[in-house]
Amino acid sequence: MASKCWFVLAQTHYPPPIIPKNGIGRMSGSGPVCLGHLIPDLKHLDNVINQHGPLDVPPDMPIYTTRAWNLTWEVNRSGGVDVSGNAGVPVAAAAGLTIKLEAGVAFQQTVKNFWEFESLETFIFQPTREYIEDSIEEDEVEAYLAMRGPFKSSTVFMITGIIVARGAKRKTSQVRKRAIQGGPGL
């Protein structure tokens, strides 16, 4: 089994899944992305293999829910280039004098994304080995694996946790800096 980690969907307009009452039973409507859905890779989180819905959630693996209020999330990306050089030309070799020229250029860009949420609602479950095996034996999943062929990777990932953001607001700031430096020296 792989380790667990969270990924943000590129599409933020998906409706949240409807979780069964008491966290046990059929997920209503199966939504575009639900607990128990299988995906082919971590770059395409919304390419669900078992689109006709995950299996019912049995009583021995209930869905747990938590909620956090008034949160802020900040993501910073910064990158830059700094190029400089110098050259020396001997003027009076006997006296040891050399004229030096230095020049440089620097570019930097910083992008900050701020997210504010009224609340984050988390849904998680711990699938049993039997649930995972039954999910892989579904017709859609078997057809997908057969289509991949024996020489291609047959790795699939199961969605075992979803965080639903409610009342989300996004703000972005971008800063660009340029610097040019240079000068002579002796």
C-alpha atoms as a PDB file:
ATOM      1  CA  MET A   1       0.000   0.000   0.000  1.00  0.00           C
ATOM      2  CA  ALA A   2       1.176   3.498  -0.828  1.00  0.00           C
ATOM      3  CA  SER A   3       1.513   6.312   1.636  1.00  0.00           C
ATOM      4  CA  LYS A   4      -1.316   8.815   1.912  1.00  0.00           C
ATOM      5  CA  CYS A   5      -1.084  12.397   0.739  1.00  0.00           C
ATOM      6  CA  TRP A   6      -3.409  15.227  -0.326  1.00  0.00           C
ATOM      7  CA  PHE A   7      -3.652  16.812  -3.788  1.00  0.00           C
ATOM      8  CA  VAL A   8      -5.597  19.862  -4.935  1.00  0.00           C
ATOM      9  CA  LEU A   9      -7.875  19.355  -7.924  1.00  0.00           C
ATOM     10  CA  ALA A  10      -7.181  21.646 -10.865  1.00  0.00           C
ATOM     11  CA  GLN A  11     -10.942  22.023 -11.345  1.00  0.00           C
ATOM     12  CA  THR A  12     -12.493  23.717  -8.320  1.00  0.00           C
ATOM     13  CA  HIS A  13     -16.108  23.664  -9.490  1.00  0.00           C
ATOM     14  CA  TYR A  14     -16.902  20.026  -8.686  1.00  0.00           C
ATOM     15  CA  PRO A  15     -19.828  19.481  -6.350  1.00  0.00           C
ATOM     16  CA  PRO A  16     -18.931  17.635  -3.149  1.00  0.00           C
ATOM     17  CA  PRO A  17     -19.960  13.996  -2.822  1.00  0.00           C
ATOM     18  CA  ILE A  18     -23.048  13.225  -0.781  1.00  0.00           C
ATOM     19  CA  ILE A  19     -21.858  11.084   2.101  1.00  0.00           C
ATOM     20  CA  PRO A  20     -24.241   8.352   3.316  1.00  0.00           C
ATOM     21  CA  LYS A  21     -26.013   8.952   6.607  1.00  0.00           C
ATOM     22  CA  ASN A  22     -23.896   7.710   9.546  1.00  0.00           C
ATOM     23  CA  GLY A  23     -21.012   7.201   7.086  1.00  0.00           C
ATOM     24  CA  ILE A  24     -22.212   3.742   5.996  1.00  0.00           C
ATOM     25  CA  GLY A  25     -23.967   2.676   2.767  1.00  0.00           C
ATOM     26  CA  ARG A  26     -24.233   3.947  -0.814  1.00  0.00           C
ATOM     27  CA  MET A  27     -22.705   7.281  -1.802  1.00  0.00           C
ATOM     28  CA  SER A  28     -25.581   9.157  -3.361  1.00  0.00           C
ATOM     29  CA  GLY A  29     -25.168   9.964  -7.040  1.00  0.00           C
ATOM     30  CA  SER A  30     -21.510   8.943  -6.864  1.00  0.00           C
ATOM     31  CA  GLY A  31     -20.422  12.522  -7.725  1.00  0.00           C
ATOM     32  CA  PRO A  32     -17.518  13.236 -10.069  1.00  0.00           C
ATOM     33  CA  VAL A  33     -14.922  12.398  -7.391  1.00  0.00           C
ATOM     34  CA  CYS A  34     -15.843  10.229  -4.390  1.00  0.00           C
ATOM     35  CA  LEU A  35     -14.285   8.111  -1.696  1.00  0.00           C
ATOM     36  CA  GLY A  36     -13.572   4.685  -3.177  1.00  0.00           C
ATOM     37  CA  HIS A  37     -13.089   5.933  -6.717  1.00  0.00           C
ATOM     38  CA  LEU A  38     -10.017   4.581  -8.505  1.00  0.00           C
ATOM     39  CA  ILE A  39      -7.797   6.834 -10.598  1.00  0.00           C
ATOM     40  CA  PRO A  40      -4.981   5.856 -12.994  1.00  0.00           C
ATOM     41  CA  ASP A  41      -2.359   8.363 -11.820  1.00  0.00           C
ATOM     42  CA  LEU A  42      -1.771  11.361  -9.571  1.00  0.00           C
ATOM     43  CA  LYS A  43      -1.592  13.884 -12.413  1.00  0.00           C
ATOM     44  CA  HIS A  44      -5.177  13.298 -13.517  1.00  0.00           C
ATOM     45  CA  LEU A  45      -7.120  13.164 -10.277  1.00  0.00           C
ATOM     46  CA  ASP A  46     -10.488  13.494 -11.956  1.00  0.00           C
ATOM     47  CA  ASN A  47     -10.012  10.685 -14.537  1.00  0.00           C
ATOM     48  CA  VAL A  48     -12.032   8.171 -12.562  1.00  0.00           C
ATOM     49  CA  ILE A  49     -11.830   4.556 -13.737  1.00  0.00           C
ATOM     50  CA  ASN A  50     -14.895   3.232 -11.859  1.00  0.00           C
ATOM     51  CA  GLN A  51     -17.198   6.062 -13.005  1.00  0.00           C
ATOM     52  CA  HIS A  52     -20.410   4.188 -12.252  1.00  0.00           C
ATOM     53  CA  GLY A  53     -19.664   4.615  -8.604  1.00  0.00           C
ATOM     54  CA  PRO A  54     -17.628   3.149  -5.853  1.00  0.00           C
ATOM     55  CA  LEU A  55     -18.890   0.155  -3.907  1.00  0.00           C
ATOM     56  CA  ASP A  56     -21.152   0.634  -0.893  1.00  0.00           C
ATOM     57  CA  VAL A  57     -19.309   1.494   2.304  1.00  0.00           C
ATOM     58  CA  PRO A  58     -19.659  -1.497   4.670  1.00  0.00           C
ATOM     59  CA  PRO A  59     -20.288  -1.072   8.430  1.00  0.00           C
ATOM     60  CA  ASP A  60     -16.723  -2.147   9.316  1.00  0.00           C
ATOM     61  CA  MET A  61     -15.189   0.901   7.557  1.00  0.00           C
ATOM     62  CA  PRO A  62     -17.292   4.004   8.305  1.00  0.00           C
ATOM     63  CA  ILE A  63     -16.556   7.432   6.864  1.00  0.00           C
ATOM     64  CA  TYR A  64     -15.162   9.869   9.432  1.00  0.00           C
ATOM     65  CA  THR A  65     -15.878  13.581   9.164  1.00  0.00           C
ATOM     66  CA  THR A  66     -14.095  16.600  10.634  1.00  0.00           C
ATOM     67  CA  ARG A  67     -14.562  20.321  10.065  1.00  0.00           C
ATOM     68  CA  ALA A  68     -12.218  23.278  10.499  1.00  0.00           C
ATOM     69  CA  TRP A  69     -13.341  26.929  10.394  1.00  0.00           C
ATOM     70  CA  ASN A  70     -11.863  30.190   9.062  1.00  0.00           C
ATOM     71  CA  LEU A  71      -8.610  29.015   7.530  1.00  0.00           C
ATOM     72  CA  THR A  72      -6.031  30.717   5.331  1.00  0.00           C
ATOM     73  CA  TRP A  73      -3.631  28.906   3.025  1.00  0.00           C
ATOM     74  CA  GLU A  74      -0.694  30.560   1.284  1.00  0.00           C
ATOM     75  CA  VAL A  75       1.431  29.151  -1.516  1.00  0.00           C
ATOM     76  CA  ASN A  76       4.584  31.016  -2.613  1.00  0.00           C
ATOM     77  CA  ARG A  77       6.598  30.335  -5.719  1.00  0.00           C
ATOM     78  CA  SER A  78       9.774  32.250  -6.339  1.00  0.00           C
ATOM     79  CA  GLY A  79      12.370  31.975  -9.036  1.00  0.00           C
ATOM     80  CA  GLY A  80      15.195  34.067 -10.330  1.00  0.00           C
ATOM     81  CA  VAL A  81      18.260  34.350 -12.489  1.00  0.00           C
ATOM     82  CA  ASP A  82      21.473  36.134 -11.552  1.00  0.00           C
ATOM     83  CA  VAL A  83      24.160  36.499 -14.210  1.00  0.00           C
ATOM     84  CA  SER A  84      27.359  38.441 -13.621  1.00  0.00           C
ATOM     85  CA  GLY A  85      30.861  38.601 -14.979  1.00  0.00           C
ATOM     86  CA  ASN A  86      34.076  40.567 -14.790  1.00  0.00           C
ATOM     87  CA  ALA A  87      37.106  41.172 -16.965  1.00  0.00           C
ATOM     88  CA  GLY A  88      40.556  42.576 -16.211  1.00  0.00           C
ATOM     89  CA  VAL A  89      42.904  44.387 -18.574  1.00  0.00           C
ATOM     90  CA  PRO A  90      46.526  45.027 -17.443  1.00  0.00           C
ATOM     91  CA  VAL A  91      47.383  48.715 -17.938  1.00  0.00           C
ATOM     92  CA  ALA A  92      50.863  48.892 -16.505  1.00  0.00           C
ATOM     93  CA  ALA A  93      52.159  45.385 -15.990  1.00  0.00           C
ATOM     94  CA  ALA A  94      55.357  46.540 -14.288  1.00  0.00           C
ATOM     95  CA  ALA A  95      53.394  48.492 -11.689  1.00  0.00           C
ATOM     96  CA  GLY A  96      50.809  45.691 -11.310  1.00  0.00           C
ATOM     97  CA  LEU A  97      47.842  47.902 -12.273  1.00  0.00           C
ATOM     98  CA  THR A  98      44.806  46.306 -13.895  1.00  0.00           C
ATOM     99  CA  ILE A  99      41.495  47.889 -14.867  1.00  0.00           C
ATOM    100  CA  LYS A 100      38.543  45.670 -13.998  1.00  0.00           C
ATOM    101  CA  LEU A 101      35.017  45.864 -15.340  1.00  0.00           C
ATOM    102  CA  GLU A 102      32.131  44.166 -13.587  1.00  0.00           C
ATOM    103  CA  ALA A 103      28.615  43.747 -14.909  1.00  0.00           C
ATOM    104  CA  GLY A 104      25.597  41.752 -13.860  1.00  0.00           C
ATOM    105  CA  VAL A 105      21.882  41.326 -14.407  1.00  0.00           C
ATOM    106  CA  ALA A 106      19.387  39.819 -11.970  1.00  0.00           C
ATOM    107  CA  PHE A 107      15.741  38.876 -12.475  1.00  0.00           C
ATOM    108  CA  GLN A 108      13.386  37.618  -9.787  1.00  0.00           C
ATOM    109  CA  GLN A 109       9.689  36.743  -9.860  1.00  0.00           C
ATOM    110  CA  THR A 110       7.534  35.852  -6.880  1.00  0.00           C
ATOM    111  CA  VAL A 111       3.928  34.679  -7.103  1.00  0.00           C
ATOM    112  CA  LYS A 112       1.848  34.377  -3.949  1.00  0.00           C
ATOM    113  CA  ASN A 113      -1.540  32.672  -3.886  1.00  0.00           C
ATOM    114  CA  PHE A 114      -3.731  33.181  -0.840  1.00  0.00           C
ATOM    115  CA  TRP A 115      -6.801  31.087  -0.171  1.00  0.00           C
ATOM    116  CA  GLU A 116      -9.349  31.862   2.518  1.00  0.00           C
ATOM    117  CA  PHE A 117     -12.010  29.336   3.510  1.00  0.00           C
ATOM    118  CA  GLU A 118     -15.107  29.654   5.652  1.00  0.00           C
ATOM    119  CA  SER A 119     -14.697  25.963   6.425  1.00  0.00           C
ATOM    120  CA  LEU A 120     -12.937  22.803   5.320  1.00  0.00           C
ATOM    121  CA  GLU A 121     -14.855  19.572   5.704  1.00  0.00           C
ATOM    122  CA  THR A 122     -12.795  16.368   5.648  1.00  0.00           C
ATOM    123  CA  PHE A 123     -14.157  12.910   4.790  1.00  0.00           C
ATOM    124  CA  ILE A 124     -11.883   9.892   5.198  1.00  0.00           C
ATOM    125  CA  PHE A 125     -12.198   6.139   5.395  1.00  0.00           C
ATOM    126  CA  GLN A 126      -9.846   3.196   5.794  1.00  0.00           C
ATOM    127  CA  PRO A 127     -10.690   0.631   3.107  1.00  0.00           C
ATOM    128  CA  THR A 128     -10.243  -2.995   4.042  1.00  0.00           C
ATOM    129  CA  ARG A 129      -8.210  -5.320   1.825  1.00  0.00           C
ATOM    130  CA  GLU A 130     -11.465  -7.022   0.801  1.00  0.00           C
ATOM    131  CA  TYR A 131     -13.007  -3.664  -0.245  1.00  0.00           C
ATOM    132  CA  ILE A 132      -9.935  -2.850  -2.354  1.00  0.00           C
ATOM    133  CA  GLU A 133      -9.933  -6.281  -4.024  1.00  0.00           C
ATOM    134  CA  ASP A 134     -13.702  -6.086  -4.721  1.00  0.00           C
ATOM    135  CA  SER A 135     -13.217  -2.598  -6.220  1.00  0.00           C
ATOM    136  CA  ILE A 136     -10.485  -3.850  -8.558  1.00  0.00           C
ATOM    137  CA  GLU A 137     -12.714  -6.752  -9.670  1.00  0.00           C
ATOM    138  CA  GLU A 138     -15.441  -4.348 -10.894  1.00  0.00           C
ATOM    139  CA  ASP A 139     -16.086  -4.651 -14.661  1.00  0.00           C
ATOM    140  CA  GLU A 140     -14.932  -1.087 -15.494  1.00  0.00           C
ATOM    141  CA  VAL A 141     -11.667  -1.531 -13.618  1.00  0.00           C
ATOM    142  CA  GLU A 142     -10.938  -4.958 -15.112  1.00  0.00           C
ATOM    143  CA  ALA A 143     -11.609  -3.539 -18.601  1.00  0.00           C
ATOM    144  CA  TYR A 144      -9.250  -0.623 -17.921  1.00  0.00           C
ATOM    145  CA  LEU A 145      -6.478  -2.924 -16.684  1.00  0.00           C
ATOM    146  CA  ALA A 146      -6.951  -5.286 -19.668  1.00  0.00           C
ATOM    147  CA  MET A 147      -6.751  -2.306 -22.048  1.00  0.00           C
ATOM    148  CA  ARG A 148      -3.409  -1.276 -20.495  1.00  0.00           C
ATOM    149  CA  GLY A 149      -1.926  -4.620 -21.530  1.00  0.00           C
ATOM    150  CA  PRO A 150       0.646  -6.781 -19.765  1.00  0.00           C
ATOM    151  CA  PHE A 151       3.631  -4.501 -20.426  1.00  0.00           C
ATOM    152  CA  LYS A 152       2.213  -1.192 -19.206  1.00  0.00           C
ATOM    153  CA  SER A 153       1.934  -0.098 -15.594  1.00  0.00           C
ATOM    154  CA  SER A 154      -1.250  -1.288 -13.951  1.00  0.00           C
ATOM    155  CA  THR A 155      -0.946   0.934 -10.894  1.00  0.00           C
ATOM    156  CA  VAL A 156      -4.190   2.486  -9.711  1.00  0.00           C
ATOM    157  CA  PHE A 157      -4.895   4.755  -6.749  1.00  0.00           C
ATOM    158  CA  MET A 158      -7.964   4.769  -4.503  1.00  0.00           C
ATOM    159  CA  ILE A 159      -9.388   8.008  -3.156  1.00  0.00           C
ATOM    160  CA  THR A 160      -9.615   7.511   0.619  1.00  0.00           C
ATOM    161  CA  GLY A 161     -10.007  11.128   1.691  1.00  0.00           C
ATOM    162  CA  ILE A 162     -11.668  14.267   0.379  1.00  0.00           C
ATOM    163  CA  ILE A 163     -11.549  17.804   1.737  1.00  0.00           C
ATOM    164  CA  VAL A 164     -14.427  20.044   0.679  1.00  0.00           C
ATOM    165  CA  ALA A 165     -13.718  23.791   0.806  1.00  0.00           C
ATOM    166  CA  ARG A 166     -16.736  25.959   1.514  1.00  0.00           C
ATOM    167  CA  GLY A 167     -16.799  29.727   1.042  1.00  0.00           C
ATOM    168  CA  ALA A 168     -13.415  29.814  -0.711  1.00  0.00           C
ATOM    169  CA  LYS A 169     -11.796  33.071  -1.859  1.00  0.00           C
ATOM    170  CA  ARG A 170      -8.554  33.287  -3.803  1.00  0.00           C
ATOM    171  CA  LYS A 171      -6.160  36.226  -4.035  1.00  0.00           C
ATOM    172  CA  THR A 172      -2.949  36.377  -6.052  1.00  0.00           C
ATOM    173  CA  SER A 173      -0.050  38.800  -5.877  1.00  0.00           C
ATOM    174  CA  GLN A 174       2.884  38.900  -8.249  1.00  0.00           C
ATOM    175  CA  VAL A 175       6.182  40.752  -7.784  1.00  0.00           C
ATOM    176  CA  ARG A 176       8.874  41.099 -10.448  1.00  0.00           C
ATOM    177  CA  LYS A 177      12.288  42.580  -9.763  1.00  0.00           C
ATOM    178  CA  ARG A 178      15.076  43.467 -12.165  1.00  0.00           C
ATOM    179  CA  ALA A 179      18.521  44.713 -11.245  1.00  0.00           C
ATOM    180  CA  ILE A 180      21.481  45.769 -13.315  1.00  0.00           C
ATOM    181  CA  GLN A 181      24.860  46.280 -11.709  1.00  0.00           C
ATOM    182  CA  GLY A 182      28.222  47.265 -13.070  1.00  0.00           C
ATOM    183  CA  GLY A 183      31.259  49.415 -12.647  1.00  0.00           C
ATOM    184  CA  PRO A 184      34.970  49.847 -13.146  1.00  0.00           C
ATOM    185  CA  GLY A 185      37.688  49.072 -10.624  1.00  0.00           C
ATOM    186  CA  LEU A 186      41.431  49.307 -10.223  1.00  0.00           C
END
